[in-house]
Amino acid sequence: MTGLGRISTVVALALSTIVVGAVQATATDGPVVVADWQMNELQSDDTMADSSGNGITASLDGLSVIRNGAYYDFNEADKPNKAIAPEHIVRVPHTDALNPGTGTYAVEFRYRTDRPYGNIVQKGQAGARGGYWKFQLPQGEVSCLFRGPSGSNSVRYQDYKDYGNGVTGRLDDDEWHTVRCERFFDKRGEGLRMYVDGQYVGINRGNTGVLANREPVYIGGKGFCNQVTITCDYFGGEIDWVRIERP
């Protein structure tokens, strides 16, 4: 083989290796983590850290919620509509990265409560320009809602309690639970699907369109409320972590 031939062969092999490596990297890539709040801060800490590396943090200055280094305790809100609790809600400042926009999107969190009420986490609230999403716990039944300018869609854990899989429909049993809701797109359009403690519990299809507001992410209740014309819907329980992904 001539020198030129040997060089061509080496180049071809190198290119082949690069292509195969690129395909393997694409095939094994997982979800893109947008924000990951592990909520391991202490009462003396003044910032809720973002473990994703994206720097989406929140100030804890003045927050009365108890932080024990493992999770945040929101139990001071013994009623969802009590007098406004001083700084009971964690507010993560708006950034465009936290908006679903027109793409896939997932929110996952771990919590525990024995109270059948409260908003756990949300970005914006009813009336927000550009829509909003939220997780709430009416009658102890977790629901995930995405409401955009052109539609609304939601899934509830309670909806699937009759599937013969041991689902009771209630998640206010004072046990730790992990809840995940995904907005997805396929050949049939847009939809939401929910997982509880790693178990797929159902799907609901419906279009919400572009969902992008300029509101903070609120953890523990509504961020804009007065308990008169707008209730705060405080969450009473513990939250271990909250993560936002783009699957």
C-alpha atoms as a PDB file:
ATOM      1  CA  MET A   1       0.000   0.000   0.000  1.00  0.00           C
ATOM      2  CA  THR A   2       1.354   3.440  -0.882  1.00  0.00           C
ATOM      3  CA  GLY A   3       1.913   6.124   1.725  1.00  0.00           C
ATOM      4  CA  LEU A   4      -1.096   8.007   0.405  1.00  0.00           C
ATOM      5  CA  GLY A   5      -3.245   4.895   0.714  1.00  0.00           C
ATOM      6  CA  ARG A   6      -2.160   4.323   4.306  1.00  0.00           C
ATOM      7  CA  ILE A   7      -2.966   7.948   5.177  1.00  0.00           C
ATOM      8  CA  SER A   8      -6.421   7.664   3.582  1.00  0.00           C
ATOM      9  CA  THR A   9      -7.140   4.506   5.552  1.00  0.00           C
ATOM     10  CA  VAL A  10      -6.095   6.114   8.834  1.00  0.00           C
ATOM     11  CA  VAL A  11      -8.238   9.180   8.139  1.00  0.00           C
ATOM     12  CA  ALA A  12     -11.239   7.003   7.259  1.00  0.00           C
ATOM     13  CA  LEU A  13     -10.859   4.990  10.467  1.00  0.00           C
ATOM     14  CA  ALA A  14     -10.548   8.158  12.511  1.00  0.00           C
ATOM     15  CA  LEU A  15     -13.671   9.643  10.949  1.00  0.00           C
ATOM     16  CA  SER A  16     -15.528   6.384  11.524  1.00  0.00           C
ATOM     17  CA  THR A  17     -14.550   6.438  15.197  1.00  0.00           C
ATOM     18  CA  ILE A  18     -15.714  10.028  15.558  1.00  0.00           C
ATOM     19  CA  VAL A  19     -19.080   9.262  13.940  1.00  0.00           C
ATOM     20  CA  VAL A  20     -19.669   6.157  16.051  1.00  0.00           C
ATOM     21  CA  GLY A  21     -18.675   8.060  19.179  1.00  0.00           C
ATOM     22  CA  ALA A  22     -21.099  10.843  18.311  1.00  0.00           C
ATOM     23  CA  VAL A  23     -23.944   8.376  17.765  1.00  0.00           C
ATOM     24  CA  GLN A  24     -23.201   6.626  21.043  1.00  0.00           C
ATOM     25  CA  ALA A  25     -23.120   9.951  22.901  1.00  0.00           C
ATOM     26  CA  THR A  26     -26.463  10.935  21.403  1.00  0.00           C
ATOM     27  CA  ALA A  27     -28.006   7.585  22.247  1.00  0.00           C
ATOM     28  CA  THR A  28     -26.933   7.715  25.877  1.00  0.00           C
ATOM     29  CA  ASP A  29     -27.672  11.383  26.558  1.00  0.00           C
ATOM     30  CA  GLY A  30     -30.299  11.777  29.288  1.00  0.00           C
ATOM     31  CA  PRO A  31     -32.639  14.628  30.208  1.00  0.00           C
ATOM     32  CA  VAL A  32     -31.240  18.146  30.362  1.00  0.00           C
ATOM     33  CA  VAL A  33     -31.523  19.334  33.957  1.00  0.00           C
ATOM     34  CA  VAL A  34     -32.611  22.971  34.013  1.00  0.00           C
ATOM     35  CA  ALA A  35     -32.689  23.431  37.794  1.00  0.00           C
ATOM     36  CA  ASP A  36     -32.160  21.095  40.737  1.00  0.00           C
ATOM     37  CA  TRP A  37     -32.969  22.435  44.191  1.00  0.00           C
ATOM     38  CA  GLN A  38     -31.963  19.786  46.727  1.00  0.00           C
ATOM     39  CA  MET A  39     -33.191  21.981  49.611  1.00  0.00           C
ATOM     40  CA  ASN A  40     -30.428  20.818  51.969  1.00  0.00           C
ATOM     41  CA  GLU A  41     -29.825  24.289  53.412  1.00  0.00           C
ATOM     42  CA  LEU A  42     -29.685  25.163  57.105  1.00  0.00           C
ATOM     43  CA  GLN A  43     -31.608  27.919  58.844  1.00  0.00           C
ATOM     44  CA  SER A  44     -28.457  30.055  58.768  1.00  0.00           C
ATOM     45  CA  ASP A  45     -28.082  29.806  54.973  1.00  0.00           C
ATOM     46  CA  ASP A  46     -29.294  32.727  52.906  1.00  0.00           C
ATOM     47  CA  THR A  47     -29.499  31.076  49.451  1.00  0.00           C
ATOM     48  CA  MET A  48     -31.274  28.003  48.075  1.00  0.00           C
ATOM     49  CA  ALA A  49     -28.625  26.368  45.893  1.00  0.00           C
ATOM     50  CA  ASP A  50     -29.101  24.980  42.391  1.00  0.00           C
ATOM     51  CA  SER A  51     -27.270  21.654  41.994  1.00  0.00           C
ATOM     52  CA  SER A  52     -27.698  21.678  38.211  1.00  0.00           C
ATOM     53  CA  GLY A  53     -24.789  24.071  37.804  1.00  0.00           C
ATOM     54  CA  ASN A  54     -26.997  26.611  36.013  1.00  0.00           C
ATOM     55  CA  GLY A  55     -26.996  29.047  38.920  1.00  0.00           C
ATOM     56  CA  ILE A  56     -30.791  29.354  39.259  1.00  0.00           C
ATOM     57  CA  THR A  57     -30.819  30.145  42.974  1.00  0.00           C
ATOM     58  CA  ALA A  58     -33.260  31.800  45.364  1.00  0.00           C
ATOM     59  CA  SER A  59     -32.773  34.136  48.305  1.00  0.00           C
ATOM     60  CA  LEU A  60     -33.793  32.773  51.717  1.00  0.00           C
ATOM     61  CA  ASP A  61     -33.459  36.082  53.538  1.00  0.00           C
ATOM     62  CA  GLY A  62     -36.340  36.424  55.977  1.00  0.00           C
ATOM     63  CA  LEU A  63     -37.834  33.043  55.071  1.00  0.00           C
ATOM     64  CA  SER A  64     -39.470  31.573  58.172  1.00  0.00           C
ATOM     65  CA  VAL A  65     -39.742  28.041  56.746  1.00  0.00           C
ATOM     66  CA  ILE A  66     -37.606  25.664  58.833  1.00  0.00           C
ATOM     67  CA  ARG A  67     -34.544  24.283  57.061  1.00  0.00           C
ATOM     68  CA  ASN A  68     -32.805  21.349  58.740  1.00  0.00           C
ATOM     69  CA  GLY A  69     -30.118  20.398  56.218  1.00  0.00           C
ATOM     70  CA  ALA A  70     -32.231  17.613  54.675  1.00  0.00           C
ATOM     71  CA  TYR A  71     -35.534  19.219  53.618  1.00  0.00           C
ATOM     72  CA  TYR A  72     -37.695  22.322  54.095  1.00  0.00           C
ATOM     73  CA  ASP A  73     -40.514  22.166  56.650  1.00  0.00           C
ATOM     74  CA  PHE A  74     -43.544  24.237  55.586  1.00  0.00           C
ATOM     75  CA  ASN A  75     -45.767  23.097  58.458  1.00  0.00           C
ATOM     76  CA  GLU A  76     -46.204  26.556  59.929  1.00  0.00           C
ATOM     77  CA  ALA A  77     -49.071  27.008  57.471  1.00  0.00           C
ATOM     78  CA  ASP A  78     -51.546  24.970  59.484  1.00  0.00           C
ATOM     79  CA  LYS A  79     -54.353  26.150  57.213  1.00  0.00           C
ATOM     80  CA  PRO A  80     -54.138  26.954  53.508  1.00  0.00           C
ATOM     81  CA  ASN A  81     -55.905  30.275  53.929  1.00  0.00           C
ATOM     82  CA  LYS A  82     -54.588  31.484  57.303  1.00  0.00           C
ATOM     83  CA  ALA A  83     -53.356  35.029  57.775  1.00  0.00           C
ATOM     84  CA  ILE A  84     -50.492  35.650  55.385  1.00  0.00           C
ATOM     85  CA  ALA A  85     -47.453  33.865  56.764  1.00  0.00           C
ATOM     86  CA  PRO A  86     -44.299  35.994  56.748  1.00  0.00           C
ATOM     87  CA  GLU A  87     -42.151  34.748  53.893  1.00  0.00           C
ATOM     88  CA  HIS A  88     -43.671  31.275  53.895  1.00  0.00           C
ATOM     89  CA  ILE A  89     -43.069  30.908  50.154  1.00  0.00           C
ATOM     90  CA  VAL A  90     -39.731  30.343  48.404  1.00  0.00           C
ATOM     91  CA  ARG A  91     -39.521  32.553  45.332  1.00  0.00           C
ATOM     92  CA  VAL A  92     -37.111  31.589  42.562  1.00  0.00           C
ATOM     93  CA  PRO A  93     -36.660  34.633  40.311  1.00  0.00           C
ATOM     94  CA  HIS A  94     -37.847  34.327  36.728  1.00  0.00           C
ATOM     95  CA  THR A  95     -35.498  33.217  34.016  1.00  0.00           C
ATOM     96  CA  ASP A  96     -36.556  32.137  30.533  1.00  0.00           C
ATOM     97  CA  ALA A  97     -34.932  28.740  31.082  1.00  0.00           C
ATOM     98  CA  LEU A  98     -37.688  27.890  33.597  1.00  0.00           C
ATOM     99  CA  ASN A  99     -40.473  28.340  31.009  1.00  0.00           C
ATOM    100  CA  PRO A 100     -41.791  25.318  29.077  1.00  0.00           C
ATOM    101  CA  GLY A 101     -42.145  27.431  25.934  1.00  0.00           C
ATOM    102  CA  THR A 102     -43.128  25.097  23.083  1.00  0.00           C
ATOM    103  CA  GLY A 103     -40.958  22.141  24.076  1.00  0.00           C
ATOM    104  CA  THR A 104     -40.872  19.081  26.277  1.00  0.00           C
ATOM    105  CA  TYR A 105     -40.715  19.808  29.991  1.00  0.00           C
ATOM    106  CA  ALA A 106     -40.782  17.895  33.265  1.00  0.00           C
ATOM    107  CA  VAL A 107     -41.152  18.814  36.922  1.00  0.00           C
ATOM    108  CA  GLU A 108     -40.318  16.304  39.653  1.00  0.00           C
ATOM    109  CA  PHE A 109     -40.308  16.683  43.429  1.00  0.00           C
ATOM    110  CA  ARG A 110     -40.370  14.704  46.685  1.00  0.00           C
ATOM    111  CA  TYR A 111     -42.707  15.691  49.506  1.00  0.00           C
ATOM    112  CA  ARG A 112     -44.564  14.504  52.602  1.00  0.00           C
ATOM    113  CA  THR A 113     -47.760  15.797  54.199  1.00  0.00           C
ATOM    114  CA  ASP A 114     -50.784  14.741  56.219  1.00  0.00           C
ATOM    115  CA  ARG A 115     -52.893  17.687  55.061  1.00  0.00           C
ATOM    116  CA  PRO A 116     -55.300  17.522  52.114  1.00  0.00           C
ATOM    117  CA  TYR A 117     -54.576  20.898  50.587  1.00  0.00           C
ATOM    118  CA  GLY A 118     -51.977  23.323  49.327  1.00  0.00           C
ATOM    119  CA  ASN A 119     -50.009  24.343  46.253  1.00  0.00           C
ATOM    120  CA  ILE A 120     -46.655  22.581  46.224  1.00  0.00           C
ATOM    121  CA  VAL A 121     -44.766  24.241  43.365  1.00  0.00           C
ATOM    122  CA  GLN A 122     -45.742  26.436  40.424  1.00  0.00           C
ATOM    123  CA  LYS A 123     -44.478  29.030  37.957  1.00  0.00           C
ATOM    124  CA  GLY A 124     -46.905  31.905  37.926  1.00  0.00           C
ATOM    125  CA  GLN A 125     -50.576  31.565  38.801  1.00  0.00           C
ATOM    126  CA  ALA A 126     -54.028  32.185  37.345  1.00  0.00           C
ATOM    127  CA  GLY A 127     -54.076  35.344  35.277  1.00  0.00           C
ATOM    128  CA  ALA A 128     -50.362  35.326  34.510  1.00  0.00           C
ATOM    129  CA  ARG A 129     -49.648  36.640  31.030  1.00  0.00           C
ATOM    130  CA  GLY A 130     -48.240  33.761  29.010  1.00  0.00           C
ATOM    131  CA  GLY A 131     -49.875  31.035  31.116  1.00  0.00           C
ATOM    132  CA  TYR A 132     -48.595  29.059  34.089  1.00  0.00           C
ATOM    133  CA  TRP A 133     -48.077  25.568  35.505  1.00  0.00           C
ATOM    134  CA  LYS A 134     -48.647  24.245  39.014  1.00  0.00           C
ATOM    135  CA  PHE A 135     -48.951  21.207  41.282  1.00  0.00           C
ATOM    136  CA  GLN A 136     -51.602  21.255  43.963  1.00  0.00           C
ATOM    137  CA  LEU A 137     -53.088  18.847  46.504  1.00  0.00           C
ATOM    138  CA  PRO A 138     -56.883  19.291  46.721  1.00  0.00           C
ATOM    139  CA  GLN A 139     -58.482  16.619  48.934  1.00  0.00           C
ATOM    140  CA  GLY A 140     -55.072  14.985  49.144  1.00  0.00           C
ATOM    141  CA  GLU A 141     -55.026  14.226  45.410  1.00  0.00           C
ATOM    142  CA  VAL A 142     -51.969  15.520  43.546  1.00  0.00           C
ATOM    143  CA  SER A 143     -52.709  17.232  40.249  1.00  0.00           C
ATOM    144  CA  CYS A 144     -50.470  18.724  37.584  1.00  0.00           C
ATOM    145  CA  LEU A 145     -51.812  21.629  35.514  1.00  0.00           C
ATOM    146  CA  PHE A 146     -50.344  23.346  32.445  1.00  0.00           C
ATOM    147  CA  ARG A 147     -52.425  26.304  31.252  1.00  0.00           C
ATOM    148  CA  GLY A 148     -51.294  28.312  28.257  1.00  0.00           C
ATOM    149  CA  PRO A 149     -52.905  31.086  26.210  1.00  0.00           C
ATOM    150  CA  SER A 150     -54.405  28.576  23.780  1.00  0.00           C
ATOM    151  CA  GLY A 151     -55.533  25.788  26.099  1.00  0.00           C
ATOM    152  CA  SER A 152     -55.343  23.936  29.385  1.00  0.00           C
ATOM    153  CA  ASN A 153     -54.413  20.377  30.310  1.00  0.00           C
ATOM    154  CA  SER A 154     -54.069  18.538  33.604  1.00  0.00           C
ATOM    155  CA  VAL A 155     -53.566  15.076  35.068  1.00  0.00           C
ATOM    156  CA  ARG A 156     -54.554  13.915  38.546  1.00  0.00           C
ATOM    157  CA  TYR A 157     -53.327  10.927  40.503  1.00  0.00           C
ATOM    158  CA  GLN A 158     -56.903  10.304  41.617  1.00  0.00           C
ATOM    159  CA  ASP A 159     -57.994   9.764  38.001  1.00  0.00           C
ATOM    160  CA  TYR A 160     -56.197   6.410  37.915  1.00  0.00           C
ATOM    161  CA  LYS A 161     -57.163   4.903  41.259  1.00  0.00           C
ATOM    162  CA  ASP A 162     -59.495   2.365  39.643  1.00  0.00           C
ATOM    163  CA  TYR A 163     -56.858   0.735  37.457  1.00  0.00           C
ATOM    164  CA  GLY A 164     -56.454  -2.190  39.858  1.00  0.00           C
ATOM    165  CA  ASN A 165     -52.862  -1.229  40.655  1.00  0.00           C
ATOM    166  CA  GLY A 166     -53.300  -0.388  44.330  1.00  0.00           C
ATOM    167  CA  VAL A 167     -53.686   3.336  43.756  1.00  0.00           C
ATOM    168  CA  THR A 168     -55.853   4.949  46.433  1.00  0.00           C
ATOM    169  CA  GLY A 169     -56.042   8.435  44.940  1.00  0.00           C
ATOM    170  CA  ARG A 170     -54.726  10.063  48.153  1.00  0.00           C
ATOM    171  CA  LEU A 171     -51.178  11.226  48.764  1.00  0.00           C
ATOM    172  CA  ASP A 172     -51.655  13.024  52.104  1.00  0.00           C
ATOM    173  CA  ASP A 173     -50.753   9.928  54.150  1.00  0.00           C
ATOM    174  CA  ASP A 174     -47.703  11.458  55.900  1.00  0.00           C
ATOM    175  CA  GLU A 175     -45.369   9.293  53.804  1.00  0.00           C
ATOM    176  CA  TRP A 176     -42.680  10.489  51.414  1.00  0.00           C
ATOM    177  CA  HIS A 177     -43.779  10.485  47.757  1.00  0.00           C
ATOM    178  CA  THR A 178     -42.034  11.416  44.517  1.00  0.00           C
ATOM    179  CA  VAL A 179     -44.228  12.987  41.838  1.00  0.00           C
ATOM    180  CA  ARG A 180     -43.224  13.654  38.237  1.00  0.00           C
ATOM    181  CA  CYS A 181     -45.246  15.323  35.486  1.00  0.00           C
ATOM    182  CA  GLU A 182     -44.023  15.515  31.892  1.00  0.00           C
ATOM    183  CA  ARG A 183     -45.265  17.577  28.984  1.00  0.00           C
ATOM    184  CA  PHE A 184     -44.509  15.606  25.825  1.00  0.00           C
ATOM    185  CA  PHE A 185     -45.121  15.680  22.100  1.00  0.00           C
ATOM    186  CA  ASP A 186     -45.685  12.786  19.719  1.00  0.00           C
ATOM    187  CA  LYS A 187     -47.404  12.115  16.397  1.00  0.00           C
ATOM    188  CA  ARG A 188     -50.796  12.654  18.040  1.00  0.00           C
ATOM    189  CA  GLY A 189     -49.866  16.017  19.485  1.00  0.00           C
ATOM    190  CA  GLU A 190     -49.252  17.311  22.989  1.00  0.00           C
ATOM    191  CA  GLY A 191     -50.022  15.708  26.327  1.00  0.00           C
ATOM    192  CA  LEU A 192     -49.171  15.328  30.001  1.00  0.00           C
ATOM    193  CA  ARG A 193     -48.201  12.130  31.799  1.00  0.00           C
ATOM    194  CA  MET A 194     -47.673  11.538  35.491  1.00  0.00           C
ATOM    195  CA  TYR A 195     -45.546   9.198  37.585  1.00  0.00           C
ATOM    196  CA  VAL A 196     -45.865   8.649  41.336  1.00  0.00           C
ATOM    197  CA  ASP A 197     -43.066   6.899  43.235  1.00  0.00           C
ATOM    198  CA  GLY A 198     -41.671   5.708  39.916  1.00  0.00           C
ATOM    199  CA  GLN A 199     -44.990   4.198  38.795  1.00  0.00           C
ATOM    200  CA  TYR A 200     -46.651   5.448  35.632  1.00  0.00           C
ATOM    201  CA  VAL A 201     -50.185   6.458  36.609  1.00  0.00           C
ATOM    202  CA  GLY A 202     -51.660   7.930  33.466  1.00  0.00           C
ATOM    203  CA  ILE A 203     -51.828  10.346  30.607  1.00  0.00           C
ATOM    204  CA  ASN A 204     -54.045  13.146  29.392  1.00  0.00           C
ATOM    205  CA  ARG A 205     -53.860  14.778  25.985  1.00  0.00           C
ATOM    206  CA  GLY A 206     -54.551  18.419  25.313  1.00  0.00           C
ATOM    207  CA  ASN A 207     -52.819  21.429  23.821  1.00  0.00           C
ATOM    208  CA  THR A 208     -51.616  24.414  25.844  1.00  0.00           C
ATOM    209  CA  GLY A 209     -49.590  26.155  23.165  1.00  0.00           C
ATOM    210  CA  VAL A 210     -46.677  28.422  24.023  1.00  0.00           C
ATOM    211  CA  LEU A 211     -46.346  28.563  27.813  1.00  0.00           C
ATOM    212  CA  ALA A 212     -43.966  31.347  28.828  1.00  0.00           C
ATOM    213  CA  ASN A 213     -44.475  33.912  31.565  1.00  0.00           C
ATOM    214  CA  ARG A 214     -42.212  36.276  33.475  1.00  0.00           C
ATOM    215  CA  GLU A 215     -43.267  35.059  36.913  1.00  0.00           C
ATOM    216  CA  PRO A 216     -41.088  33.408  39.586  1.00  0.00           C
ATOM    217  CA  VAL A 217     -41.258  29.748  40.517  1.00  0.00           C
ATOM    218  CA  TYR A 218     -43.109  29.599  43.832  1.00  0.00           C
ATOM    219  CA  ILE A 219     -42.544  26.739  46.279  1.00  0.00           C
ATOM    220  CA  GLY A 220     -45.067  26.364  49.117  1.00  0.00           C
ATOM    221  CA  GLY A 221     -48.018  28.388  47.832  1.00  0.00           C
ATOM    222  CA  LYS A 222     -49.038  31.252  45.574  1.00  0.00           C
ATOM    223  CA  GLY A 223     -46.673  34.180  45.352  1.00  0.00           C
ATOM    224  CA  PHE A 224     -49.300  36.854  44.736  1.00  0.00           C
ATOM    225  CA  CYS A 225     -52.175  36.629  47.223  1.00  0.00           C
ATOM    226  CA  ASN A 226     -53.956  38.494  50.014  1.00  0.00           C
ATOM    227  CA  GLN A 227     -56.200  35.774  51.533  1.00  0.00           C
ATOM    228  CA  VAL A 228     -59.244  37.927  50.681  1.00  0.00           C
ATOM    229  CA  THR A 229     -59.711  38.133  46.939  1.00  0.00           C
ATOM    230  CA  ILE A 230     -56.821  35.756  46.154  1.00  0.00           C
ATOM    231  CA  THR A 231     -56.109  32.867  48.507  1.00  0.00           C
ATOM    232  CA  CYS A 232     -52.507  31.821  49.143  1.00  0.00           C
ATOM    233  CA  ASP A 233     -53.202  28.054  49.222  1.00  0.00           C
ATOM    234  CA  TYR A 234     -50.245  27.439  51.516  1.00  0.00           C
ATOM    235  CA  PHE A 235     -48.710  23.965  51.527  1.00  0.00           C
ATOM    236  CA  GLY A 236     -48.336  22.356  54.952  1.00  0.00           C
ATOM    237  CA  GLY A 237     -45.722  19.604  54.948  1.00  0.00           C
ATOM    238  CA  GLU A 238     -42.117  18.903  53.980  1.00  0.00           C
ATOM    239  CA  ILE A 239     -40.442  19.201  50.587  1.00  0.00           C
ATOM    240  CA  ASP A 240     -37.180  17.321  50.048  1.00  0.00           C
ATOM    241  CA  TRP A 241     -36.212  18.530  46.561  1.00  0.00           C
ATOM    242  CA  VAL A 242     -37.573  20.012  43.321  1.00  0.00           C
ATOM    243  CA  ARG A 243     -36.084  19.402  39.867  1.00  0.00           C
ATOM    244  CA  ILE A 244     -36.972  20.788  36.427  1.00  0.00           C
ATOM    245  CA  GLU A 245     -35.845  18.977  33.267  1.00  0.00           C
ATOM    246  CA  ARG A 246     -36.204  18.950  29.530  1.00  0.00           C
ATOM    247  CA  PRO A 247     -36.559  15.230  28.698  1.00  0.00           C
END
